[in-house]
PDB file of N, CA and C in Angstrom:
ATOM      1  N   UNK A   1     136.090  93.793  64.188  1.00  0.00           N
ATOM      2  CA  UNK A   1     134.600  93.562  63.868  1.00  0.00           C
ATOM      3  C   UNK A   1     134.069  94.288  64.157  1.00  0.00           C
ATOM      4  N   UNK A   2     132.783  94.603  63.541  1.00  0.00           N
ATOM      5  CA  UNK A   2     131.903  95.900  63.726  1.00  0.00           C
ATOM      6  C   UNK A   2     130.816  95.559  65.081  1.00  0.00           C
ATOM      7  N   UNK A   3     130.841  96.142  65.574  1.00  0.00           N
ATOM      8  CA  UNK A   3     129.949  96.109  67.177  1.00  0.00           C
ATOM      9  C   UNK A   3     128.994  97.337  67.115  1.00  0.00           C
ATOM     10  N   UNK A   4     127.434  96.420  67.510  1.00  0.00           N
ATOM     11  CA  UNK A   4     126.299  96.887  67.791  1.00  0.00           C
ATOM     12  C   UNK A   4     125.603  97.732  69.099  1.00  0.00           C
ATOM     13  N   UNK A   5     125.502  98.962  69.191  1.00  0.00           N
ATOM     14  CA  UNK A   5     124.749  98.953  70.045  1.00  0.00           C
ATOM     15  C   UNK A   5     123.306  99.033  70.164  1.00  0.00           C
ATOM     16  N   UNK A   6     122.585  98.250  71.162  1.00  0.00           N
ATOM     17  CA  UNK A   6     121.238  97.676  71.036  1.00  0.00           C
ATOM     18  C   UNK A   6     120.517  98.774  72.343  1.00  0.00           C
ATOM     19  N   UNK A   7     119.699  99.233  72.507  1.00  0.00           N
ATOM     20  CA  UNK A   7     118.963  99.730  73.407  1.00  0.00           C
ATOM     21  C   UNK A   7     116.946  99.811  73.024  1.00  0.00           C
ATOM     22  N   UNK A   8     116.943  98.988  73.927  1.00  0.00           N
ATOM     23  CA  UNK A   8     115.086  98.400  73.928  1.00  0.00           C
ATOM     24  C   UNK A   8     114.346  98.871  75.175  1.00  0.00           C
ATOM     25  N   UNK A   9     113.481 100.170  74.442  1.00  0.00           N
ATOM     26  CA  UNK A   9     112.843 100.557  75.584  1.00  0.00           C
ATOM     27  C   UNK A   9     111.566 100.543  75.898  1.00  0.00           C
ATOM     28  N   UNK A  10     111.371  99.577  77.220  1.00  0.00           N
ATOM     29  CA  UNK A  10     110.103  99.144  77.497  1.00  0.00           C
ATOM     30  C   UNK A  10     108.832  99.698  78.129  1.00  0.00           C
ATOM     31  N   UNK A  11     109.179 100.804  79.154  1.00  0.00           N
ATOM     32  CA  UNK A  11     108.473 101.772  79.536  1.00  0.00           C
ATOM     33  C   UNK A  11     109.431 103.135  79.815  1.00  0.00           C
ATOM     34  N   UNK A  12     108.356 104.138  79.381  1.00  0.00           N
ATOM     35  CA  UNK A  12     108.706 105.320  79.862  1.00  0.00           C
ATOM     36  C   UNK A  12     107.838 105.742  81.458  1.00  0.00           C
ATOM     37  N   UNK A  13     108.789 106.210  82.227  1.00  0.00           N
ATOM     38  CA  UNK A  13     108.276 106.266  83.956  1.00  0.00           C
ATOM     39  C   UNK A  13     108.651 107.721  84.034  1.00  0.00           C
ATOM     40  N   UNK A  14     109.538 108.353  83.343  1.00  0.00           N
ATOM     41  CA  UNK A  14     109.513 110.075  83.598  1.00  0.00           C
ATOM     42  C   UNK A  14     110.055 110.717  81.726  1.00  0.00           C
ATOM     43  N   UNK A  15     108.639 111.275  81.929  1.00  0.00           N
ATOM     44  CA  UNK A  15     108.784 111.906  80.482  1.00  0.00           C
ATOM     45  C   UNK A  15     110.092 112.894  80.068  1.00  0.00           C
ATOM     46  N   UNK A  16     109.918 113.569  81.650  1.00  0.00           N
ATOM     47  CA  UNK A  16     111.139 114.972  81.326  1.00  0.00           C
ATOM     48  C   UNK A  16     112.294 114.552  81.486  1.00  0.00           C
ATOM     49  N   UNK A  17     112.475 113.864  82.048  1.00  0.00           N
ATOM     50  CA  UNK A  17     114.266 112.746  81.938  1.00  0.00           C
ATOM     51  C   UNK A  17     114.440 112.629  80.706  1.00  0.00           C
ATOM     52  N   UNK A  18     113.566 111.541  80.094  1.00  0.00           N
ATOM     53  CA  UNK A  18     113.719 111.176  78.640  1.00  0.00           C
ATOM     54  C   UNK A  18     113.687 112.378  77.726  1.00  0.00           C
ATOM     55  N   UNK A  19     113.206 113.643  77.807  1.00  0.00           N
ATOM     56  CA  UNK A  19     112.832 114.770  76.937  1.00  0.00           C
ATOM     57  C   UNK A  19     114.429 115.166  77.374  1.00  0.00           C
ATOM     58  N   UNK A  20     115.146 115.531  78.341  1.00  0.00           N
ATOM     59  CA  UNK A  20     116.702 115.711  78.113  1.00  0.00           C
ATOM     60  C   UNK A  20     117.813 115.069  78.177  1.00  0.00           C
ATOM     61  N   UNK A  21     117.615 113.575  77.889  1.00  0.00           N
ATOM     62  CA  UNK A  21     118.446 112.774  77.482  1.00  0.00           C
ATOM     63  C   UNK A  21     118.698 113.058  76.177  1.00  0.00           C
ATOM     64  N   UNK A  22     117.709 112.803  75.345  1.00  0.00           N
ATOM     65  CA  UNK A  22     117.714 113.001  73.530  1.00  0.00           C
ATOM     66  C   UNK A  22     118.913 113.410  73.383  1.00  0.00           C
ATOM     67  N   UNK A  23     118.934 115.100  73.453  1.00  0.00           N
ATOM     68  CA  UNK A  23     119.279 116.025  73.067  1.00  0.00           C
ATOM     69  C   UNK A  23     121.217 115.752  73.719  1.00  0.00           C
ATOM     70  N   UNK A  24     121.139 115.462  75.287  1.00  0.00           N
ATOM     71  CA  UNK A  24     122.380 115.088  76.212  1.00  0.00           C
ATOM     72  C   UNK A  24     123.409 114.046  74.996  1.00  0.00           C
ATOM     73  N   UNK A  25     122.599 112.757  74.801  1.00  0.00           N
ATOM     74  CA  UNK A  25     123.292 111.659  74.255  1.00  0.00           C
ATOM     75  C   UNK A  25     123.292 112.245  72.645  1.00  0.00           C
ATOM     76  N   UNK A  26     122.984 112.830  72.043  1.00  0.00           N
ATOM     77  CA  UNK A  26     123.395 113.510  70.655  1.00  0.00           C
ATOM     78  C   UNK A  26     124.985 113.823  70.738  1.00  0.00           C
ATOM     79  N   UNK A  27     125.010 115.076  71.816  1.00  0.00           N
ATOM     80  CA  UNK A  27     126.290 115.628  72.174  1.00  0.00           C
ATOM     81  C   UNK A  27     127.208 114.542  72.477  1.00  0.00           C
ATOM     82  N   UNK A  28     126.801 113.537  73.436  1.00  0.00           N
ATOM     83  CA  UNK A  28     127.816 112.548  73.676  1.00  0.00           C
ATOM     84  C   UNK A  28     128.100 112.040  72.856  1.00  0.00           C
ATOM     85  N   UNK A  29     127.439 111.633  71.463  1.00  0.00           N
ATOM     86  CA  UNK A  29     127.900 111.206  70.704  1.00  0.00           C
ATOM     87  C   UNK A  29     128.923 111.835  69.002  1.00  0.00           C
ATOM     88  N   UNK A  30     129.114 112.866  69.470  1.00  0.00           N
ATOM     89  CA  UNK A  30     130.057 113.954  68.591  1.00  0.00           C
ATOM     90  C   UNK A  30     131.327 113.405  69.112  1.00  0.00           C
ATOM     91  N   UNK A  31     132.400 113.225  68.058  1.00  0.00           N
ATOM     92  CA  UNK A  31     133.689 112.762  68.310  1.00  0.00           C
ATOM     93  C   UNK A  31     133.607 110.977  68.274  1.00  0.00           C
ATOM     94  N   UNK A  32     132.588 110.445  67.993  1.00  0.00           N
ATOM     95  CA  UNK A  32     132.933 109.060  68.228  1.00  0.00           C
ATOM     96  C   UNK A  32     131.884 108.205  66.913  1.00  0.00           C
ATOM     97  N   UNK A  33     133.194 107.890  66.554  1.00  0.00           N
ATOM     98  CA  UNK A  33     132.701 106.907  65.151  1.00  0.00           C
ATOM     99  C   UNK A  33     131.503 106.241  65.224  1.00  0.00           C
ATOM    100  N   UNK A  34     130.030 106.621  65.164  1.00  0.00           N
ATOM    101  CA  UNK A  34     128.893 105.738  65.286  1.00  0.00           C
ATOM    102  C   UNK A  34     128.058 106.106  64.448  1.00  0.00           C
ATOM    103  N   UNK A  35     127.348 104.816  63.925  1.00  0.00           N
ATOM    104  CA  UNK A  35     125.927 105.082  62.660  1.00  0.00           C
ATOM    105  C   UNK A  35     125.028 104.712  63.633  1.00  0.00           C
ATOM    106  N   UNK A  36     124.032 105.523  63.391  1.00  0.00           N
ATOM    107  CA  UNK A  36     123.049 105.445  63.592  1.00  0.00           C
ATOM    108  C   UNK A  36     121.964 104.358  62.316  1.00  0.00           C
ATOM    109  N   UNK A  37     121.649 103.293  62.864  1.00  0.00           N
ATOM    110  CA  UNK A  37     120.462 102.328  61.788  1.00  0.00           C
ATOM    111  C   UNK A  37     119.678 102.579  62.259  1.00  0.00           C
ATOM    112  N   UNK A  38     118.999 102.354  63.415  1.00  0.00           N
ATOM    113  CA  UNK A  38     117.689 102.764  63.691  1.00  0.00           C
ATOM    114  C   UNK A  38     117.590 103.315  65.192  1.00  0.00           C
ATOM    115  N   UNK A  39     116.613 104.419  64.934  1.00  0.00           N
ATOM    116  CA  UNK A  39     116.245 105.166  66.365  1.00  0.00           C
ATOM    117  C   UNK A  39     114.592 105.798  66.492  1.00  0.00           C
ATOM    118  N   UNK A  40     113.815 104.794  66.988  1.00  0.00           N
ATOM    119  CA  UNK A  40     112.695 105.439  67.603  1.00  0.00           C
ATOM    120  C   UNK A  40     111.768 105.503  66.604  1.00  0.00           C
ATOM    121  N   UNK A  41     112.163 104.211  65.117  1.00  0.00           N
ATOM    122  CA  UNK A  41     110.915 104.380  64.479  1.00  0.00           C
ATOM    123  C   UNK A  41     109.725 103.309  64.601  1.00  0.00           C
ATOM    124  N   UNK A  42     109.202 103.413  63.578  1.00  0.00           N
ATOM    125  CA  UNK A  42     107.940 102.460  63.543  1.00  0.00           C
ATOM    126  C   UNK A  42     108.217 100.951  64.383  1.00  0.00           C
ATOM    127  N   UNK A  43     107.310 100.289  64.795  1.00  0.00           N
ATOM    128  CA  UNK A  43     107.847  98.841  65.726  1.00  0.00           C
ATOM    129  C   UNK A  43     107.107  98.283  64.883  1.00  0.00           C
ATOM    130  N   UNK A  44     106.932  96.796  64.761  1.00  0.00           N
ATOM    131  CA  UNK A  44     106.262  95.934  64.480  1.00  0.00           C
ATOM    132  C   UNK A  44     106.339  94.763  65.378  1.00  0.00           C
ATOM    133  N   UNK A  45     106.429  94.689  66.459  1.00  0.00           N
ATOM    134  CA  UNK A  45     106.853  93.643  67.369  1.00  0.00           C
ATOM    135  C   UNK A  45     106.342  92.163  67.591  1.00  0.00           C
ATOM    136  N   UNK A  46     107.128  91.097  67.396  1.00  0.00           N
ATOM    137  CA  UNK A  46     106.733  90.045  67.175  1.00  0.00           C
ATOM    138  C   UNK A  46     106.398  89.049  68.187  1.00  0.00           C
ATOM    139  N   UNK A  47     107.376  89.150  69.318  1.00  0.00           N
ATOM    140  CA  UNK A  47     107.034  88.490  70.428  1.00  0.00           C
ATOM    141  C   UNK A  47     107.706  89.432  71.527  1.00  0.00           C
ATOM    142  N   UNK A  48     107.467  88.665  72.663  1.00  0.00           N
ATOM    143  CA  UNK A  48     108.400  89.332  73.943  1.00  0.00           C
ATOM    144  C   UNK A  48     107.216  90.309  74.613  1.00  0.00           C
ATOM    145  N   UNK A  49     107.863  90.932  75.946  1.00  0.00           N
ATOM    146  CA  UNK A  49     106.895  91.839  76.501  1.00  0.00           C
ATOM    147  C   UNK A  49     106.769  92.931  75.362  1.00  0.00           C
ATOM    148  N   UNK A  50     105.763  94.196  76.180  1.00  0.00           N
ATOM    149  CA  UNK A  50     105.906  95.633  75.415  1.00  0.00           C
ATOM    150  C   UNK A  50     107.073  96.204  75.084  1.00  0.00           C
ATOM    151  N   UNK A  51     107.188  96.839  74.011  1.00  0.00           N
ATOM    152  CA  UNK A  51     108.934  97.567  73.639  1.00  0.00           C
ATOM    153  C   UNK A  51     108.302  98.906  73.258  1.00  0.00           C
ATOM    154  N   UNK A  52     108.269  99.936  73.125  1.00  0.00           N
ATOM    155  CA  UNK A  52     107.983 101.365  73.222  1.00  0.00           C
ATOM    156  C   UNK A  52     108.946 101.766  72.191  1.00  0.00           C
ATOM    157  N   UNK A  53     110.050 101.704  72.365  1.00  0.00           N
ATOM    158  CA  UNK A  53     111.068 102.000  71.419  1.00  0.00           C
ATOM    159  C   UNK A  53     112.352 101.119  71.144  1.00  0.00           C
ATOM    160  N   UNK A  54     112.923 101.869  69.856  1.00  0.00           N
ATOM    161  CA  UNK A  54     114.229 100.754  69.555  1.00  0.00           C
ATOM    162  C   UNK A  54     115.582 101.503  69.118  1.00  0.00           C
ATOM    163  N   UNK A  55     116.873 101.120  69.427  1.00  0.00           N
ATOM    164  CA  UNK A  55     117.789 102.197  68.638  1.00  0.00           C
ATOM    165  C   UNK A  55     119.041 101.051  68.538  1.00  0.00           C
ATOM    166  N   UNK A  56     119.700 100.935  67.461  1.00  0.00           N
ATOM    167  CA  UNK A  56     120.613 100.326  66.892  1.00  0.00           C
ATOM    168  C   UNK A  56     121.703 101.161  66.493  1.00  0.00           C
ATOM    169  N   UNK A  57     122.701 101.297  67.198  1.00  0.00           N
ATOM    170  CA  UNK A  57     124.009 101.996  66.601  1.00  0.00           C
ATOM    171  C   UNK A  57     125.466 100.889  66.360  1.00  0.00           C
ATOM    172  N   UNK A  58     125.875 101.283  65.101  1.00  0.00           N
ATOM    173  CA  UNK A  58     126.867 100.464  64.788  1.00  0.00           C
ATOM    174  C   UNK A  58     128.378 101.299  64.961  1.00  0.00           C
ATOM    175  N   UNK A  59     129.629 100.819  65.397  1.00  0.00           N
ATOM    176  CA  UNK A  59     130.692 101.356  65.776  1.00  0.00           C
ATOM    177  C   UNK A  59     131.515 100.103  64.961  1.00  0.00           C
ATOM    178  N   UNK A  60     132.401 100.686  64.692  1.00  0.00           N
ATOM    179  CA  UNK A  60     133.858  99.879  64.018  1.00  0.00           C
ATOM    180  C   UNK A  60     134.243  98.628  64.720  1.00  0.00           C
ATOM    181  N   UNK A  61     134.457  98.862  65.963  1.00  0.00           N
ATOM    182  CA  UNK A  61     134.246  97.656  66.887  1.00  0.00           C
ATOM    183  C   UNK A  61     134.064  97.746  68.430  1.00  0.00           C
ATOM    184  N   UNK A  62     134.231  96.754  68.904  1.00  0.00           N
ATOM    185  CA  UNK A  62     133.855  97.112  70.349  1.00  0.00           C
ATOM    186  C   UNK A  62     134.289  98.141  71.000  1.00  0.00           C
ATOM    187  N   UNK A  63     135.868  98.031  71.061  1.00  0.00           N
ATOM    188  CA  UNK A  63     136.813  98.679  71.589  1.00  0.00           C
ATOM    189  C   UNK A  63     136.025 100.566  71.312  1.00  0.00           C
ATOM    190  N   UNK A  64     135.867 100.667  70.551  1.00  0.00           N
ATOM    191  CA  UNK A  64     134.994 101.986  70.018  1.00  0.00           C
ATOM    192  C   UNK A  64     133.898 102.187  70.604  1.00  0.00           C
ATOM    193  N   UNK A  65     133.238 101.232  70.346  1.00  0.00           N
ATOM    194  CA  UNK A  65     131.805 101.403  71.074  1.00  0.00           C
ATOM    195  C   UNK A  65     131.650 101.260  72.569  1.00  0.00           C
ATOM    196  N   UNK A  66     133.005 100.847  73.523  1.00  0.00           N
ATOM    197  CA  UNK A  66     132.839 101.049  74.982  1.00  0.00           C
ATOM    198  C   UNK A  66     133.630 102.642  75.373  1.00  0.00           C
ATOM    199  N   UNK A  67     134.691 102.783  74.462  1.00  0.00           N
ATOM    200  CA  UNK A  67     134.881 104.062  74.778  1.00  0.00           C
ATOM    201  C   UNK A  67     133.685 105.158  74.277  1.00  0.00           C
ATOM    202  N   UNK A  68     132.455 105.176  73.873  1.00  0.00           N
ATOM    203  CA  UNK A  68     131.547 105.838  73.566  1.00  0.00           C
ATOM    204  C   UNK A  68     130.874 105.662  74.681  1.00  0.00           C
ATOM    205  N   UNK A  69     130.684 104.377  75.171  1.00  0.00           N
ATOM    206  CA  UNK A  69     129.675 104.170  76.048  1.00  0.00           C
ATOM    207  C   UNK A  69     130.318 104.633  77.678  1.00  0.00           C
ATOM    208  N   UNK A  70     131.303 104.360  77.715  1.00  0.00           N
ATOM    209  CA  UNK A  70     131.912 104.552  79.352  1.00  0.00           C
ATOM    210  C   UNK A  70     132.362 106.338  79.270  1.00  0.00           C
ATOM    211  N   UNK A  71     132.472 107.045  78.030  1.00  0.00           N
ATOM    212  CA  UNK A  71     132.753 108.663  78.266  1.00  0.00           C
ATOM    213  C   UNK A  71     131.384 108.835  79.144  1.00  0.00           C
ATOM    214  N   UNK A  72     132.441 109.856  79.897  1.00  0.00           N
ATOM    215  CA  UNK A  72     131.731 110.598  81.096  1.00  0.00           C
ATOM    216  C   UNK A  72     130.620 111.315  80.361  1.00  0.00           C
ATOM    217  N   UNK A  73     130.359 111.777  79.001  1.00  0.00           N
ATOM    218  CA  UNK A  73     129.777 112.842  78.640  1.00  0.00           C
ATOM    219  C   UNK A  73     128.160 111.378  78.241  1.00  0.00           C
ATOM    220  N   UNK A  74     128.246 110.649  77.652  1.00  0.00           N
ATOM    221  CA  UNK A  74     127.297 109.619  77.604  1.00  0.00           C
ATOM    222  C   UNK A  74     126.886 108.912  78.963  1.00  0.00           C
ATOM    223  N   UNK A  75     127.659 108.678  79.956  1.00  0.00           N
ATOM    224  CA  UNK A  75     126.915 108.239  81.158  1.00  0.00           C
ATOM    225  C   UNK A  75     126.662 109.221  82.187  1.00  0.00           C
ATOM    226  N   UNK A  76     126.773 110.342  81.730  1.00  0.00           N
ATOM    227  CA  UNK A  76     125.891 111.605  82.356  1.00  0.00           C
ATOM    228  C   UNK A  76     124.756 111.540  81.672  1.00  0.00           C
ATOM    229  N   UNK A  77     124.584 111.367  80.523  1.00  0.00           N
ATOM    230  CA  UNK A  77     123.197 111.145  79.632  1.00  0.00           C
ATOM    231  C   UNK A  77     122.694 110.206  79.878  1.00  0.00           C
ATOM    232  N   UNK A  78     123.255 108.847  79.954  1.00  0.00           N
ATOM    233  CA  UNK A  78     122.635 107.241  80.386  1.00  0.00           C
ATOM    234  C   UNK A  78     121.848 107.991  81.724  1.00  0.00           C
ATOM    235  N   UNK A  79     122.315 108.477  82.604  1.00  0.00           N
ATOM    236  CA  UNK A  79     121.653 108.698  83.982  1.00  0.00           C
ATOM    237  C   UNK A  79     120.034 109.193  83.575  1.00  0.00           C
ATOM    238  N   UNK A  80     119.687 109.900  82.996  1.00  0.00           N
ATOM    239  CA  UNK A  80     118.394 110.457  82.519  1.00  0.00           C
ATOM    240  C   UNK A  80     117.609 109.579  81.917  1.00  0.00           C
ATOM    241  N   UNK A  81     118.432 108.724  80.926  1.00  0.00           N
ATOM    242  CA  UNK A  81     117.999 107.659  80.196  1.00  0.00           C
ATOM    243  C   UNK A  81     117.506 106.809  81.646  1.00  0.00           C
ATOM    244  N   UNK A  82     118.176 106.422  82.563  1.00  0.00           N
ATOM    245  CA  UNK A  82     117.950 105.270  83.451  1.00  0.00           C
ATOM    246  C   UNK A  82     116.719 106.056  84.343  1.00  0.00           C
ATOM    247  N   UNK A  83     116.462 107.028  84.848  1.00  0.00           N
ATOM    248  CA  UNK A  83     115.848 107.449  85.413  1.00  0.00           C
ATOM    249  C   UNK A  83     114.463 108.014  84.611  1.00  0.00           C
ATOM    250  N   UNK A  84     114.325 107.844  83.424  1.00  0.00           N
ATOM    251  CA  UNK A  84     113.299 107.991  82.828  1.00  0.00           C
ATOM    252  C   UNK A  84     112.363 107.043  82.036  1.00  0.00           C
ATOM    253  N   UNK A  85     113.671 105.739  82.157  1.00  0.00           N
ATOM    254  CA  UNK A  85     112.786 104.828  81.667  1.00  0.00           C
ATOM    255  C   UNK A  85     113.436 103.378  82.012  1.00  0.00           C
ATOM    256  N   UNK A  86     112.393 102.375  81.824  1.00  0.00           N
ATOM    257  CA  UNK A  86     112.775 100.930  81.915  1.00  0.00           C
ATOM    258  C   UNK A  86     113.547 100.570  80.566  1.00  0.00           C
ATOM    259  N   UNK A  87     114.742  99.844  80.587  1.00  0.00           N
ATOM    260  CA  UNK A  87     115.165  99.736  79.072  1.00  0.00           C
ATOM    261  C   UNK A  87     116.220  98.574  79.278  1.00  0.00           C
ATOM    262  N   UNK A  88     116.542  97.995  78.498  1.00  0.00           N
ATOM    263  CA  UNK A  88     117.350  96.936  78.302  1.00  0.00           C
ATOM    264  C   UNK A  88     118.703  97.338  76.828  1.00  0.00           C
ATOM    265  N   UNK A  89     119.636  97.196  77.544  1.00  0.00           N
ATOM    266  CA  UNK A  89     120.651  97.920  76.555  1.00  0.00           C
ATOM    267  C   UNK A  89     122.072  96.978  76.469  1.00  0.00           C
ATOM    268  N   UNK A  90     122.594  96.661  75.428  1.00  0.00           N
ATOM    269  CA  UNK A  90     123.562  95.796  75.339  1.00  0.00           C
ATOM    270  C   UNK A  90     124.266  96.035  73.783  1.00  0.00           C
ATOM    271  N   UNK A  91     125.743  95.588  73.733  1.00  0.00           N
ATOM    272  CA  UNK A  91     126.632  95.634  72.779  1.00  0.00           C
ATOM    273  C   UNK A  91     126.258  93.793  72.144  1.00  0.00           C
ATOM    274  N   UNK A  92     126.681  93.734  70.985  1.00  0.00           N
ATOM    275  CA  UNK A  92     126.649  92.423  70.203  1.00  0.00           C
ATOM    276  C   UNK A  92     127.746  92.661  69.039  1.00  0.00           C
ATOM    277  N   UNK A  93     128.483  91.993  69.067  1.00  0.00           N
ATOM    278  CA  UNK A  93     129.389  91.953  68.063  1.00  0.00           C
ATOM    279  C   UNK A  93     128.652  91.378  66.402  1.00  0.00           C
ATOM    280  N   UNK A  94     129.006  92.149  65.293  1.00  0.00           N
ATOM    281  CA  UNK A  94     128.543  91.861  63.859  1.00  0.00           C
ATOM    282  C   UNK A  94     129.249  90.544  63.424  1.00  0.00           C
ATOM    283  N   UNK A  95     128.685  90.142  62.480  1.00  0.00           N
ATOM    284  CA  UNK A  95     129.294  88.974  61.708  1.00  0.00           C
ATOM    285  C   UNK A  95     130.368  88.972  60.538  1.00  0.00           C
TER     286      UNK A  95
END
């Protein structure tokens, strides 16, 4: 069953760390079957607290998604995202 990674950035805390995160996350995606569906596009926020950015990635299944997220290269990149922002990230299975 298809799985989606959703990341919602609520606040930037370190622009330099986020600037490093982008290229490192792109490199970490190599070799993983993911499909970007949305990435930092214009937002039309309807509810909830402030949102600066959102990303949605599609994976063939949850195991493949976890393999990407748990990979050493993405974990190294995600440390930069964590130090550079306040965000929420999660996986959700498709229907």
